[in-house]
C-alpha cells in the first residue's frame, strides 16, 4: 500500500472518530446554569477540545492499527470481499 494511501485512510478514520468523540461529556450552558450573554443556551459550557483531540488520535491509531493488520496479514481475503460486494441475484 502506498504511503499516500495509508495517510488518506488514517485521515478518514481520524475524522470519523473525531465526530464520534466530540459529544462525549458535553454539557450545555443552560445545564450548567451559566449562560453567557449573547450566546446560545445550548452551546457547550466547556468544550475541552484539546483533550478530545488527544483521545481521537489515540482511538484512531488503534482502529487504524487493527485495520492495517487485517490488510497486511490478509485476514479477510480479497476474493471474499469481491464475493460479498456483488449485487444480490434476482
Protein backbone atom coordinates (compact mmCIF):
# COMPACT_ATOMS: atom_id res chain seq x y z
CA UNK A 1 0.00 0.00 0.00
CA UNK A 2 1.38 3.41 -0.95
CA UNK A 3 2.27 5.88 1.78
CA UNK A 4 -0.23 8.40 0.42
CA UNK A 5 -2.99 5.78 0.67
CA UNK A 6 -2.04 4.97 4.26
CA UNK A 7 -2.13 8.68 5.16
CA UNK A 8 -5.50 9.12 3.44
CA UNK A 9 -7.02 6.13 5.29
CA UNK A 10 -5.70 7.37 8.62
CA UNK A 11 -7.06 10.87 7.91
CA UNK A 12 -10.53 9.49 7.13
CA UNK A 13 -10.53 7.25 10.20
CA UNK A 14 -9.34 10.18 12.37
CA UNK A 15 -12.22 12.40 11.22
CA UNK A 16 -14.85 9.70 11.74
CA UNK A 17 -13.53 9.01 15.24
CA UNK A 18 -13.42 12.76 15.99
CA UNK A 19 -17.12 13.14 15.21
CA UNK A 20 -17.86 10.11 17.40
CA UNK A 21 -15.86 11.56 20.33
CA UNK A 22 -16.95 15.23 20.12
CA UNK A 23 -20.23 14.78 22.03
CA UNK A 24 -18.58 12.98 24.99
CA UNK A 25 -19.01 14.86 28.25
CA UNK A 26 -20.60 17.95 26.71
CA UNK A 27 -22.85 19.97 28.99
CA UNK A 28 -24.69 22.98 27.65
CA UNK A 29 -24.51 26.41 29.24
CA UNK A 30 -28.16 26.03 30.19
CA UNK A 31 -27.44 22.74 32.01
CA UNK A 32 -24.54 24.31 33.89
CA UNK A 33 -26.68 27.30 34.86
CA UNK A 34 -24.35 29.99 33.48
CA UNK A 35 -25.49 31.29 30.08
CA UNK A 36 -23.09 33.92 28.74
CA UNK A 37 -24.90 36.95 27.32
CA UNK A 38 -25.26 36.83 23.55
CA UNK A 39 -24.67 33.08 23.24
CA UNK A 40 -26.99 30.17 22.59
CA UNK A 41 -28.07 28.37 25.76
CA UNK A 42 -27.31 25.06 24.03
CA UNK A 43 -23.67 26.00 23.42
CA UNK A 44 -21.13 23.93 25.36
CA UNK A 45 -20.11 25.37 28.71
CA UNK A 46 -16.64 23.81 28.49
CA UNK A 47 -15.57 22.13 25.25
CA UNK A 48 -12.22 20.51 26.29
CA UNK A 49 -11.21 20.33 22.64
CA UNK A 50 -7.51 19.53 23.19
CA UNK A 51 -8.40 16.55 25.38
CA UNK A 52 -10.82 15.29 22.75
CA UNK A 53 -8.18 15.69 20.02
CA UNK A 54 -5.79 13.53 22.05
CA UNK A 55 -8.48 10.88 22.64
CA UNK A 56 -9.31 11.00 18.93
CA UNK A 57 -5.69 10.48 17.91
CA UNK A 58 -5.25 7.53 20.28
CA UNK A 59 -8.55 5.88 19.30
CA UNK A 60 -7.97 6.46 15.56
CA UNK A 61 -4.47 4.99 15.84
CA UNK A 62 -5.87 1.84 17.48
CA UNK A 63 -8.61 1.47 14.86
CA UNK A 64 -6.14 2.14 12.04
CA UNK A 65 -3.66 -0.35 13.51
CA UNK A 66 -6.30 -3.08 13.63
CA UNK A 67 -7.46 -2.40 10.06
CA UNK A 68 -3.88 -2.21 8.79
CA UNK A 69 -3.05 -5.53 10.46
CA UNK A 70 -6.13 -7.12 8.86
CA UNK A 71 -4.94 -5.83 5.48
CA UNK A 72 -1.26 -6.78 5.84
CA UNK A 73 -1.94 -10.22 7.32
CA UNK A 74 -4.65 -10.83 4.70
CA UNK A 75 -7.16 -11.89 7.36
CA UNK A 76 -10.03 -11.03 5.03
CA UNK A 77 -9.19 -12.41 1.56
CA UNK A 78 -9.74 -10.18 -1.45
CA UNK A 79 -11.81 -12.87 -3.19
CA UNK A 80 -14.21 -12.93 -0.23
CA UNK A 81 -14.64 -9.16 -0.43
CA UNK A 82 -15.34 -9.39 -4.15
CA UNK A 83 -17.90 -12.11 -3.49
CA UNK A 84 -19.86 -10.18 -0.86
CA UNK A 85 -19.71 -6.94 -2.89
CA UNK A 86 -21.67 -8.42 -5.79
CA UNK A 87 -25.30 -7.38 -6.19
CA UNK A 88 -27.81 -9.98 -4.98
CA UNK A 89 -29.14 -12.46 -7.52
CA UNK A 90 -32.68 -11.83 -8.64
